[in-house]
Amino acid sequence: MKKVKVAILGSGNIGTDLMIKLGRSPVLELTSIIGIDPDSDGLRRAKAAGYYVFDGGLKPYLESGVDLADIVFDATSAKAHIRHAKALREAGKFAIDLTPAAVGPYVVPSVNLGAHLNEKNINLITCGGQATIPIVHAIGSASPVSYAEIVATISSKSAGPGTRSNIDEFTETTAHGIEAIGGAKKGKAIIILNPAEPPILMRDTVYAVVEEGADRQAIVKAIHQTVAYIQSYVPGYRLRSEPIFDENKITVFLEVEGAGDYLPTYSGNLDIMTATAVKVAEEYAKHAVGIGTGI
């Protein structure tokens, strides 16, 4: 089928890793990389690969007069995306927001991807949200969750300037996603930057409180089904152990190993975002050209 053209806004670690992943997509055709630093490794790689390169930010891209993309991935920052969202909407572009700006509706592929394919701006929440909200939702599919708390631990080396400047947005957006998408009555999110050497893989812990007498077998089955689905587009996503039950409390330990495309394999926190972004864009592209999404 005809590929749908896409562009990446942001030439940092996330944007560069996304560029490599998009090069393998059978559905998407990457045409352009937009950044602000002409000397960045991302823009140098993009130029060498033959993509259109814009080093003056979003404005010159939109003013170029060339229709280079239907989908634009924003891999900048939460504050920047608030500005970008308006410009992209006015330009008629479908925006996939990889920042915690939360301008558009939250999307977690295993939970609600099909519900938002007609939107023009969607938000991928956070790395911790993509790793843990599906588990909260899986638990909730078997028993109501009165409280859910997630702790996302990542290597400090995989937390660049964008991640560090967005920590407040991370906790707020993820906690809201636990409630709005995960279905928990009350949600809380914590992020830890671990300076250990050698760097650790991304590790996430989910704590959930369910009703007394909840069906444990049904909960475990739902968790395993969700993990298998996520592994279809994030192969390094996995359970570190079987779910642990303590009366009506459940603890789930997760680990995310990156694919090693551009970033080190310990940067699973970034890899899960770029892999999820490709998954969402591919399903949107199939929907846009009239092919079933398969979800």
C-alpha atoms as a PDB file:
ATOM      1  CA  MET A   1       0.000   0.000   0.000  1.00  0.00           C
ATOM      2  CA  LYS A   2       1.048   3.624  -0.401  1.00  0.00           C
ATOM      3  CA  LYS A   3       3.097   4.831   2.534  1.00  0.00           C
ATOM      4  CA  VAL A   4       1.988   7.802   4.637  1.00  0.00           C
ATOM      5  CA  LYS A   5       4.572  10.591   4.908  1.00  0.00           C
ATOM      6  CA  VAL A   6       5.812  11.627   8.352  1.00  0.00           C
ATOM      7  CA  ALA A   7       8.178  14.174   9.887  1.00  0.00           C
ATOM      8  CA  ILE A   8       9.996  14.352  13.222  1.00  0.00           C
ATOM      9  CA  LEU A   9      10.111  17.552  15.248  1.00  0.00           C
ATOM     10  CA  GLY A  10      13.129  17.343  17.543  1.00  0.00           C
ATOM     11  CA  SER A  11      16.589  16.036  16.684  1.00  0.00           C
ATOM     12  CA  GLY A  12      17.715  14.891  20.129  1.00  0.00           C
ATOM     13  CA  ASN A  13      18.036  11.340  21.432  1.00  0.00           C
ATOM     14  CA  ILE A  14      14.336  10.507  21.075  1.00  0.00           C
ATOM     15  CA  GLY A  15      13.989  12.051  17.633  1.00  0.00           C
ATOM     16  CA  THR A  16      17.118  10.315  16.348  1.00  0.00           C
ATOM     17  CA  ASP A  17      16.082   6.919  17.698  1.00  0.00           C
ATOM     18  CA  LEU A  18      12.647   7.433  16.165  1.00  0.00           C
ATOM     19  CA  MET A  19      14.279   8.235  12.829  1.00  0.00           C
ATOM     20  CA  ILE A  20      15.976   4.832  12.774  1.00  0.00           C
ATOM     21  CA  LYS A  21      12.810   2.956  13.747  1.00  0.00           C
ATOM     22  CA  LEU A  22      10.749   4.724  11.089  1.00  0.00           C
ATOM     23  CA  GLY A  23      13.252   3.612   8.473  1.00  0.00           C
ATOM     24  CA  ARG A  24      11.996   0.043   8.999  1.00  0.00           C
ATOM     25  CA  SER A  25       8.273   0.812   8.828  1.00  0.00           C
ATOM     26  CA  PRO A  26       6.338  -0.795   5.979  1.00  0.00           C
ATOM     27  CA  VAL A  27       3.586   1.786   6.428  1.00  0.00           C
ATOM     28  CA  LEU A  28       5.324   5.108   7.093  1.00  0.00           C
ATOM     29  CA  GLU A  29       7.722   7.125   4.951  1.00  0.00           C
ATOM     30  CA  LEU A  30       9.954   9.514   6.879  1.00  0.00           C
ATOM     31  CA  THR A  31      10.695  12.628   4.834  1.00  0.00           C
ATOM     32  CA  SER A  32      11.877  15.349   7.201  1.00  0.00           C
ATOM     33  CA  ILE A  33      13.692  16.076  10.458  1.00  0.00           C
ATOM     34  CA  ILE A  34      13.136  19.415  12.176  1.00  0.00           C
ATOM     35  CA  GLY A  35      15.522  20.760  14.794  1.00  0.00           C
ATOM     36  CA  ILE A  36      17.183  23.923  16.044  1.00  0.00           C
ATOM     37  CA  ASP A  37      20.837  22.896  16.270  1.00  0.00           C
ATOM     38  CA  PRO A  38      22.447  22.386  12.851  1.00  0.00           C
ATOM     39  CA  ASP A  39      25.381  20.636  14.528  1.00  0.00           C
ATOM     40  CA  SER A  40      23.273  18.075  16.385  1.00  0.00           C
ATOM     41  CA  ASP A  41      24.028  14.422  15.698  1.00  0.00           C
ATOM     42  CA  GLY A  42      20.395  13.884  14.757  1.00  0.00           C
ATOM     43  CA  LEU A  43      20.385  16.502  12.003  1.00  0.00           C
ATOM     44  CA  ARG A  44      23.776  15.349  10.727  1.00  0.00           C
ATOM     45  CA  ARG A  45      22.496  11.791  10.468  1.00  0.00           C
ATOM     46  CA  ALA A  46      19.280  12.956   8.825  1.00  0.00           C
ATOM     47  CA  LYS A  47      21.183  14.944   6.227  1.00  0.00           C
ATOM     48  CA  ALA A  48      23.468  11.990   5.499  1.00  0.00           C
ATOM     49  CA  ALA A  49      20.416   9.752   5.088  1.00  0.00           C
ATOM     50  CA  GLY A  50      18.939  12.097   2.498  1.00  0.00           C
ATOM     51  CA  TYR A  51      16.001  13.468   4.492  1.00  0.00           C
ATOM     52  CA  TYR A  52      14.855  17.071   4.290  1.00  0.00           C
ATOM     53  CA  VAL A  53      16.484  18.914   7.195  1.00  0.00           C
ATOM     54  CA  PHE A  54      15.184  22.088   8.833  1.00  0.00           C
ATOM     55  CA  ASP A  55      17.412  23.624  11.518  1.00  0.00           C
ATOM     56  CA  GLY A  56      15.281  26.665  12.294  1.00  0.00           C
ATOM     57  CA  GLY A  57      12.488  24.903  14.133  1.00  0.00           C
ATOM     58  CA  LEU A  58       8.886  24.296  13.128  1.00  0.00           C
ATOM     59  CA  LYS A  59       8.151  27.656  11.510  1.00  0.00           C
ATOM     60  CA  PRO A  60      10.422  27.312   8.430  1.00  0.00           C
ATOM     61  CA  TYR A  61       9.183  23.755   7.955  1.00  0.00           C
ATOM     62  CA  LEU A  62       5.562  24.879   7.828  1.00  0.00           C
ATOM     63  CA  GLU A  63       6.475  27.848   5.626  1.00  0.00           C
ATOM     64  CA  SER A  64       8.441  25.733   3.150  1.00  0.00           C
ATOM     65  CA  GLY A  65       5.430  25.387   0.901  1.00  0.00           C
ATOM     66  CA  VAL A  66       6.149  21.710   0.321  1.00  0.00           C
ATOM     67  CA  ASP A  67       3.722  19.084   1.562  1.00  0.00           C
ATOM     68  CA  LEU A  68       6.247  16.832   3.273  1.00  0.00           C
ATOM     69  CA  ALA A  69       4.174  14.996   5.863  1.00  0.00           C
ATOM     70  CA  ASP A  70       0.701  14.122   7.076  1.00  0.00           C
ATOM     71  CA  ILE A  71       1.941  13.050  10.527  1.00  0.00           C
ATOM     72  CA  VAL A  72       4.367  15.008  12.703  1.00  0.00           C
ATOM     73  CA  PHE A  73       5.985  13.459  15.778  1.00  0.00           C
ATOM     74  CA  ASP A  74       6.830  16.044  18.439  1.00  0.00           C
ATOM     75  CA  ALA A  75       9.889  14.892  20.398  1.00  0.00           C
ATOM     76  CA  THR A  76      10.786  18.261  21.936  1.00  0.00           C
ATOM     77  CA  SER A  77       9.448  19.305  25.353  1.00  0.00           C
ATOM     78  CA  ALA A  78       6.111  19.769  27.083  1.00  0.00           C
ATOM     79  CA  LYS A  79       6.347  23.568  27.024  1.00  0.00           C
ATOM     80  CA  ALA A  80       7.376  23.646  23.381  1.00  0.00           C
ATOM     81  CA  HIS A  81       4.574  21.313  22.333  1.00  0.00           C
ATOM     82  CA  ILE A  82       1.945  23.694  23.665  1.00  0.00           C
ATOM     83  CA  ARG A  83       3.130  26.145  20.979  1.00  0.00           C
ATOM     84  CA  HIS A  84       3.646  23.480  18.349  1.00  0.00           C
ATOM     85  CA  ALA A  85       0.180  21.970  18.838  1.00  0.00           C
ATOM     86  CA  LYS A  86      -1.573  25.124  17.658  1.00  0.00           C
ATOM     87  CA  ALA A  87       0.659  25.553  14.599  1.00  0.00           C
ATOM     88  CA  LEU A  88       0.348  21.898  13.580  1.00  0.00           C
ATOM     89  CA  ARG A  89      -3.424  21.937  14.010  1.00  0.00           C
ATOM     90  CA  GLU A  90      -3.721  25.042  11.814  1.00  0.00           C
ATOM     91  CA  ALA A  91      -1.530  23.327   9.214  1.00  0.00           C
ATOM     92  CA  GLY A  92      -3.817  20.278   9.202  1.00  0.00           C
ATOM     93  CA  LYS A  93      -1.186  17.868  10.506  1.00  0.00           C
ATOM     94  CA  PHE A  94      -1.838  14.873  12.750  1.00  0.00           C
ATOM     95  CA  ALA A  95       0.434  15.386  15.756  1.00  0.00           C
ATOM     96  CA  ILE A  96       1.773  12.571  17.915  1.00  0.00           C
ATOM     97  CA  ASP A  97       3.067  14.153  21.105  1.00  0.00           C
ATOM     98  CA  LEU A  98       5.923  12.308  22.825  1.00  0.00           C
ATOM     99  CA  THR A  99       6.137  14.950  25.575  1.00  0.00           C
ATOM    100  CA  PRO A 100       4.012  15.106  28.750  1.00  0.00           C
ATOM    101  CA  ALA A 101       2.224  18.247  27.508  1.00  0.00           C
ATOM    102  CA  ALA A 102      -1.170  16.500  27.574  1.00  0.00           C
ATOM    103  CA  VAL A 103      -2.723  18.776  24.959  1.00  0.00           C
ATOM    104  CA  GLY A 104      -4.547  15.978  23.178  1.00  0.00           C
ATOM    105  CA  PRO A 105      -6.223  12.831  24.534  1.00  0.00           C
ATOM    106  CA  TYR A 106      -4.045  10.206  26.191  1.00  0.00           C
ATOM    107  CA  VAL A 107      -3.374   7.118  24.085  1.00  0.00           C
ATOM    108  CA  VAL A 108      -2.061   3.766  25.306  1.00  0.00           C
ATOM    109  CA  PRO A 109      -2.133   1.271  22.402  1.00  0.00           C
ATOM    110  CA  SER A 110      -3.204  -1.756  24.458  1.00  0.00           C
ATOM    111  CA  VAL A 111      -6.101   0.187  25.992  1.00  0.00           C
ATOM    112  CA  ASN A 112      -7.624   2.823  23.726  1.00  0.00           C
ATOM    113  CA  LEU A 113      -5.787   3.275  20.430  1.00  0.00           C
ATOM    114  CA  GLY A 114      -8.846   2.699  18.275  1.00  0.00           C
ATOM    115  CA  ALA A 115     -10.850   5.370  20.094  1.00  0.00           C
ATOM    116  CA  HIS A 116      -8.690   8.302  18.957  1.00  0.00           C
ATOM    117  CA  LEU A 117      -7.738   7.665  15.343  1.00  0.00           C
ATOM    118  CA  ASN A 118      -9.895  10.594  14.192  1.00  0.00           C
ATOM    119  CA  GLU A 119      -8.171  13.102  16.482  1.00  0.00           C
ATOM    120  CA  LYS A 120      -5.598  15.601  15.201  1.00  0.00           C
ATOM    121  CA  ASN A 121      -3.373  15.613  18.283  1.00  0.00           C
ATOM    122  CA  ILE A 122      -2.775  12.715  20.650  1.00  0.00           C
ATOM    123  CA  ASN A 123      -0.547  12.416  23.696  1.00  0.00           C
ATOM    124  CA  LEU A 124       1.578   9.392  24.563  1.00  0.00           C
ATOM    125  CA  ILE A 125       1.667  10.380  28.247  1.00  0.00           C
ATOM    126  CA  THR A 126       5.138   9.358  29.502  1.00  0.00           C
ATOM    127  CA  CYS A 127       7.527   6.412  29.379  1.00  0.00           C
ATOM    128  CA  GLY A 128       6.370   5.350  32.827  1.00  0.00           C
ATOM    129  CA  GLY A 129       2.774   5.703  31.724  1.00  0.00           C
ATOM    130  CA  GLN A 130       3.239   3.533  28.636  1.00  0.00           C
ATOM    131  CA  ALA A 131       4.944   0.866  30.751  1.00  0.00           C
ATOM    132  CA  THR A 132       2.537   0.776  33.694  1.00  0.00           C
ATOM    133  CA  ILE A 133      -0.902   2.097  32.769  1.00  0.00           C
ATOM    134  CA  PRO A 134      -1.634  -1.023  30.659  1.00  0.00           C
ATOM    135  CA  ILE A 135      -0.955  -3.157  33.751  1.00  0.00           C
ATOM    136  CA  VAL A 136      -3.293  -1.063  35.904  1.00  0.00           C
ATOM    137  CA  HIS A 137      -5.942  -1.377  33.190  1.00  0.00           C
ATOM    138  CA  ALA A 138      -5.386  -5.145  32.972  1.00  0.00           C
ATOM    139  CA  ILE A 139      -5.850  -5.525  36.716  1.00  0.00           C
ATOM    140  CA  GLY A 140      -8.937  -3.319  36.545  1.00  0.00           C
ATOM    141  CA  SER A 141     -10.450  -5.509  33.836  1.00  0.00           C
ATOM    142  CA  ALA A 142     -10.719  -8.276  36.440  1.00  0.00           C
ATOM    143  CA  SER A 143     -11.422  -6.219  39.577  1.00  0.00           C
ATOM    144  CA  PRO A 144     -12.018  -2.507  40.311  1.00  0.00           C
ATOM    145  CA  VAL A 145      -8.800  -0.721  41.357  1.00  0.00           C
ATOM    146  CA  SER A 146      -9.302   1.732  44.214  1.00  0.00           C
ATOM    147  CA  TYR A 147      -5.676   2.883  44.259  1.00  0.00           C
ATOM    148  CA  ALA A 148      -2.685   2.435  41.956  1.00  0.00           C
ATOM    149  CA  GLU A 149       0.833   3.720  42.426  1.00  0.00           C
ATOM    150  CA  ILE A 150       3.677   3.368  39.959  1.00  0.00           C
ATOM    151  CA  VAL A 151       7.389   3.872  40.485  1.00  0.00           C
ATOM    152  CA  ALA A 152       9.479   4.318  37.330  1.00  0.00           C
ATOM    153  CA  THR A 153      13.217   3.909  37.862  1.00  0.00           C
ATOM    154  CA  ILE A 154      15.525   4.844  35.001  1.00  0.00           C
ATOM    155  CA  SER A 155      19.243   5.282  34.579  1.00  0.00           C
ATOM    156  CA  SER A 156      20.292   8.874  35.136  1.00  0.00           C
ATOM    157  CA  LYS A 157      22.334   8.533  31.925  1.00  0.00           C
ATOM    158  CA  SER A 158      19.139   7.967  29.944  1.00  0.00           C
ATOM    159  CA  ALA A 159      17.527  11.129  31.356  1.00  0.00           C
ATOM    160  CA  GLY A 160      18.529  13.973  29.073  1.00  0.00           C
ATOM    161  CA  PRO A 161      17.735  17.669  29.468  1.00  0.00           C
ATOM    162  CA  GLY A 162      14.184  17.195  28.148  1.00  0.00           C
ATOM    163  CA  THR A 163      13.368  14.416  30.612  1.00  0.00           C
ATOM    164  CA  ARG A 164      14.841  16.345  33.532  1.00  0.00           C
ATOM    165  CA  SER A 165      12.966  19.549  32.713  1.00  0.00           C
ATOM    166  CA  ASN A 166       9.693  17.592  32.401  1.00  0.00           C
ATOM    167  CA  ILE A 167       9.784  15.745  35.743  1.00  0.00           C
ATOM    168  CA  ASP A 168       6.865  17.700  37.238  1.00  0.00           C
ATOM    169  CA  GLU A 169       4.807  17.102  34.102  1.00  0.00           C
ATOM    170  CA  PHE A 170       5.822  13.427  34.215  1.00  0.00           C
ATOM    171  CA  THR A 171       4.374  12.844  37.670  1.00  0.00           C
ATOM    172  CA  GLU A 172       1.218  14.860  37.028  1.00  0.00           C
ATOM    173  CA  THR A 173       0.476  13.458  33.569  1.00  0.00           C
ATOM    174  CA  THR A 174       1.250   9.857  34.532  1.00  0.00           C
ATOM    175  CA  ALA A 175      -0.886  10.024  37.677  1.00  0.00           C
ATOM    176  CA  HIS A 176      -3.781  11.412  35.664  1.00  0.00           C
ATOM    177  CA  GLY A 177      -3.309   8.693  33.041  1.00  0.00           C
ATOM    178  CA  ILE A 178      -3.422   5.995  35.727  1.00  0.00           C
ATOM    179  CA  GLU A 179      -6.887   7.247  36.604  1.00  0.00           C
ATOM    180  CA  ALA A 180      -8.259   8.343  33.209  1.00  0.00           C
ATOM    181  CA  ILE A 181      -6.899   5.438  31.129  1.00  0.00           C
ATOM    182  CA  GLY A 182      -5.850   2.846  33.678  1.00  0.00           C
ATOM    183  CA  GLY A 183      -9.182   3.123  35.460  1.00  0.00           C
ATOM    184  CA  ALA A 184      -7.881   3.457  39.024  1.00  0.00           C
ATOM    185  CA  LYS A 185     -10.012   5.559  41.344  1.00  0.00           C
ATOM    186  CA  LYS A 186      -6.856   7.240  42.648  1.00  0.00           C
ATOM    187  CA  GLY A 187      -3.412   7.233  41.031  1.00  0.00           C
ATOM    188  CA  LYS A 188       0.096   8.305  41.989  1.00  0.00           C
ATOM    189  CA  ALA A 189       3.348   8.349  40.004  1.00  0.00           C
ATOM    190  CA  ILE A 190       6.973   8.559  41.134  1.00  0.00           C
ATOM    191  CA  ILE A 191      10.115   8.731  38.988  1.00  0.00           C
ATOM    192  CA  ILE A 192      13.613   7.873  40.216  1.00  0.00           C
ATOM    193  CA  LEU A 193      16.829   8.693  38.355  1.00  0.00           C
ATOM    194  CA  ASN A 194      19.350   6.049  39.373  1.00  0.00           C
ATOM    195  CA  PRO A 195      23.057   6.985  38.957  1.00  0.00           C
ATOM    196  CA  ALA A 196      24.299   3.378  39.255  1.00  0.00           C
ATOM    197  CA  GLU A 197      27.235   2.200  37.137  1.00  0.00           C
ATOM    198  CA  PRO A 198      26.910   0.268  34.982  1.00  0.00           C
ATOM    199  CA  PRO A 199      23.573   1.903  34.079  1.00  0.00           C
ATOM    200  CA  ILE A 200      20.453  -0.070  34.989  1.00  0.00           C
ATOM    201  CA  LEU A 201      17.630  -1.007  32.655  1.00  0.00           C
ATOM    202  CA  MET A 202      14.326   0.813  33.067  1.00  0.00           C
ATOM    203  CA  ARG A 203      12.398  -0.824  35.890  1.00  0.00           C
ATOM    204  CA  ASP A 204       8.799  -0.111  36.841  1.00  0.00           C
ATOM    205  CA  THR A 205       6.799  -1.215  39.833  1.00  0.00           C
ATOM    206  CA  VAL A 206       3.008  -1.173  39.915  1.00  0.00           C
ATOM    207  CA  TYR A 207       1.140  -1.311  43.228  1.00  0.00           C
ATOM    208  CA  ALA A 208      -2.622  -1.785  43.040  1.00  0.00           C
ATOM    209  CA  VAL A 209      -5.378  -2.182  45.603  1.00  0.00           C
ATOM    210  CA  VAL A 210      -8.387  -4.215  44.465  1.00  0.00           C
ATOM    211  CA  GLU A 211     -11.569  -5.546  46.025  1.00  0.00           C
ATOM    212  CA  GLU A 212     -11.445  -8.269  48.661  1.00  0.00           C
ATOM    213  CA  GLY A 213     -11.898 -11.683  47.071  1.00  0.00           C
ATOM    214  CA  ALA A 214     -10.805 -10.571  43.589  1.00  0.00           C
ATOM    215  CA  ASP A 215     -10.196 -13.374  41.099  1.00  0.00           C
ATOM    216  CA  ARG A 216      -6.412 -13.753  41.170  1.00  0.00           C
ATOM    217  CA  GLN A 217      -6.263 -16.093  38.193  1.00  0.00           C
ATOM    218  CA  ALA A 218      -8.233 -13.639  36.075  1.00  0.00           C
ATOM    219  CA  ILE A 219      -5.904 -10.794  37.097  1.00  0.00           C
ATOM    220  CA  VAL A 220      -2.760 -12.769  36.272  1.00  0.00           C
ATOM    221  CA  LYS A 221      -4.195 -13.851  32.915  1.00  0.00           C
ATOM    222  CA  ALA A 222      -5.088 -10.260  32.010  1.00  0.00           C
ATOM    223  CA  ILE A 223      -1.595  -9.067  32.948  1.00  0.00           C
ATOM    224  CA  HIS A 224       0.099 -11.718  30.793  1.00  0.00           C
ATOM    225  CA  GLN A 225      -2.146 -10.936  27.822  1.00  0.00           C
ATOM    226  CA  THR A 226      -1.296  -7.247  28.113  1.00  0.00           C
ATOM    227  CA  VAL A 227       2.436  -7.920  28.364  1.00  0.00           C
ATOM    228  CA  ALA A 228       2.286 -10.103  25.237  1.00  0.00           C
ATOM    229  CA  TYR A 229       0.513  -7.335  23.308  1.00  0.00           C
ATOM    230  CA  ILE A 230       3.061  -4.699  24.306  1.00  0.00           C
ATOM    231  CA  GLN A 231       5.913  -7.049  23.380  1.00  0.00           C
ATOM    232  CA  SER A 232       4.555  -7.092  19.812  1.00  0.00           C
ATOM    233  CA  TYR A 233       5.941  -3.543  19.361  1.00  0.00           C
ATOM    234  CA  VAL A 234       8.332  -3.225  22.361  1.00  0.00           C
ATOM    235  CA  PRO A 235      10.186  -6.584  22.373  1.00  0.00           C
ATOM    236  CA  GLY A 236      12.248  -5.654  25.446  1.00  0.00           C
ATOM    237  CA  TYR A 237       9.191  -5.167  27.666  1.00  0.00           C
ATOM    238  CA  ARG A 238       8.756  -7.950  30.214  1.00  0.00           C
ATOM    239  CA  LEU A 239       7.670  -9.069  33.665  1.00  0.00           C
ATOM    240  CA  ARG A 240      10.539  -9.515  36.115  1.00  0.00           C
ATOM    241  CA  SER A 241       8.506 -12.017  38.142  1.00  0.00           C
ATOM    242  CA  GLU A 242       4.968 -13.277  38.521  1.00  0.00           C
ATOM    243  CA  PRO A 243       2.540 -10.778  40.120  1.00  0.00           C
ATOM    244  CA  ILE A 244       2.688 -10.830  43.932  1.00  0.00           C
ATOM    245  CA  PHE A 245      -0.523 -10.868  45.982  1.00  0.00           C
ATOM    246  CA  ASP A 246      -0.820  -9.739  49.600  1.00  0.00           C
ATOM    247  CA  GLU A 247      -4.507  -9.959  50.539  1.00  0.00           C
ATOM    248  CA  ASN A 248      -6.117  -7.318  48.274  1.00  0.00           C
ATOM    249  CA  LYS A 249      -2.820  -5.682  47.264  1.00  0.00           C
ATOM    250  CA  ILE A 250      -0.989  -6.574  44.041  1.00  0.00           C
ATOM    251  CA  THR A 251       2.606  -5.785  43.116  1.00  0.00           C
ATOM    252  CA  VAL A 252       3.889  -6.141  39.565  1.00  0.00           C
ATOM    253  CA  PHE A 253       7.567  -5.751  38.653  1.00  0.00           C
ATOM    254  CA  LEU A 254       8.429  -4.779  35.083  1.00  0.00           C
ATOM    255  CA  GLU A 255      11.573  -4.205  33.056  1.00  0.00           C
ATOM    256  CA  VAL A 256      12.097  -2.508  29.705  1.00  0.00           C
ATOM    257  CA  GLU A 257      15.225  -3.149  27.668  1.00  0.00           C
ATOM    258  CA  GLY A 258      15.796  -0.921  24.667  1.00  0.00           C
ATOM    259  CA  ALA A 259      16.293  -2.222  21.137  1.00  0.00           C
ATOM    260  CA  GLY A 260      19.678  -0.500  20.823  1.00  0.00           C
ATOM    261  CA  ASP A 261      18.794   1.311  17.590  1.00  0.00           C
ATOM    262  CA  TYR A 262      20.415   4.653  18.448  1.00  0.00           C
ATOM    263  CA  LEU A 263      20.302   4.629  22.221  1.00  0.00           C
ATOM    264  CA  PRO A 264      21.981   2.179  24.630  1.00  0.00           C
ATOM    265  CA  THR A 265      19.859  -0.815  25.581  1.00  0.00           C
ATOM    266  CA  TYR A 266      19.530   0.514  29.132  1.00  0.00           C
ATOM    267  CA  SER A 267      17.489   3.435  27.751  1.00  0.00           C
ATOM    268  CA  GLY A 268      14.262   1.455  27.727  1.00  0.00           C
ATOM    269  CA  ASN A 269      12.446   4.544  28.973  1.00  0.00           C
ATOM    270  CA  LEU A 270      13.144   6.283  25.669  1.00  0.00           C
ATOM    271  CA  ASP A 271      12.768   3.166  23.538  1.00  0.00           C
ATOM    272  CA  ILE A 272       9.240   2.456  24.773  1.00  0.00           C
ATOM    273  CA  MET A 273       8.213   5.968  23.719  1.00  0.00           C
ATOM    274  CA  THR A 274       9.632   5.779  20.208  1.00  0.00           C
ATOM    275  CA  ALA A 275       8.348   2.238  19.637  1.00  0.00           C
ATOM    276  CA  THR A 276       4.896   3.263  20.862  1.00  0.00           C
ATOM    277  CA  ALA A 277       4.927   6.340  18.635  1.00  0.00           C
ATOM    278  CA  VAL A 278       5.617   4.170  15.570  1.00  0.00           C
ATOM    279  CA  LYS A 279       2.852   1.751  16.566  1.00  0.00           C
ATOM    280  CA  VAL A 280       0.306   4.574  16.933  1.00  0.00           C
ATOM    281  CA  ALA A 281       1.365   6.246  13.679  1.00  0.00           C
ATOM    282  CA  GLU A 282       1.122   2.996  11.732  1.00  0.00           C
ATOM    283  CA  GLU A 283      -2.390   2.334  12.994  1.00  0.00           C
ATOM    284  CA  TYR A 284      -3.415   5.928  12.224  1.00  0.00           C
ATOM    285  CA  ALA A 285      -1.935   5.615   8.731  1.00  0.00           C
ATOM    286  CA  LYS A 286      -3.862   2.399   8.059  1.00  0.00           C
ATOM    287  CA  HIS A 287      -7.033   4.052   9.314  1.00  0.00           C
ATOM    288  CA  ALA A 288      -6.445   7.179   7.219  1.00  0.00           C
ATOM    289  CA  VAL A 289      -6.134   5.231   3.958  1.00  0.00           C
ATOM    290  CA  GLY A 290      -9.096   3.000   4.707  1.00  0.00           C
ATOM    291  CA  ILE A 291      -7.361  -0.181   5.801  1.00  0.00           C
ATOM    292  CA  GLY A 292      -8.520  -1.956   8.945  1.00  0.00           C
ATOM    293  CA  THR A 293      -6.388  -1.234  12.012  1.00  0.00           C
ATOM    294  CA  GLY A 294      -6.508  -4.804  13.274  1.00  0.00           C
ATOM    295  CA  ILE A 295      -7.220  -3.724  16.830  1.00  0.00           C
END
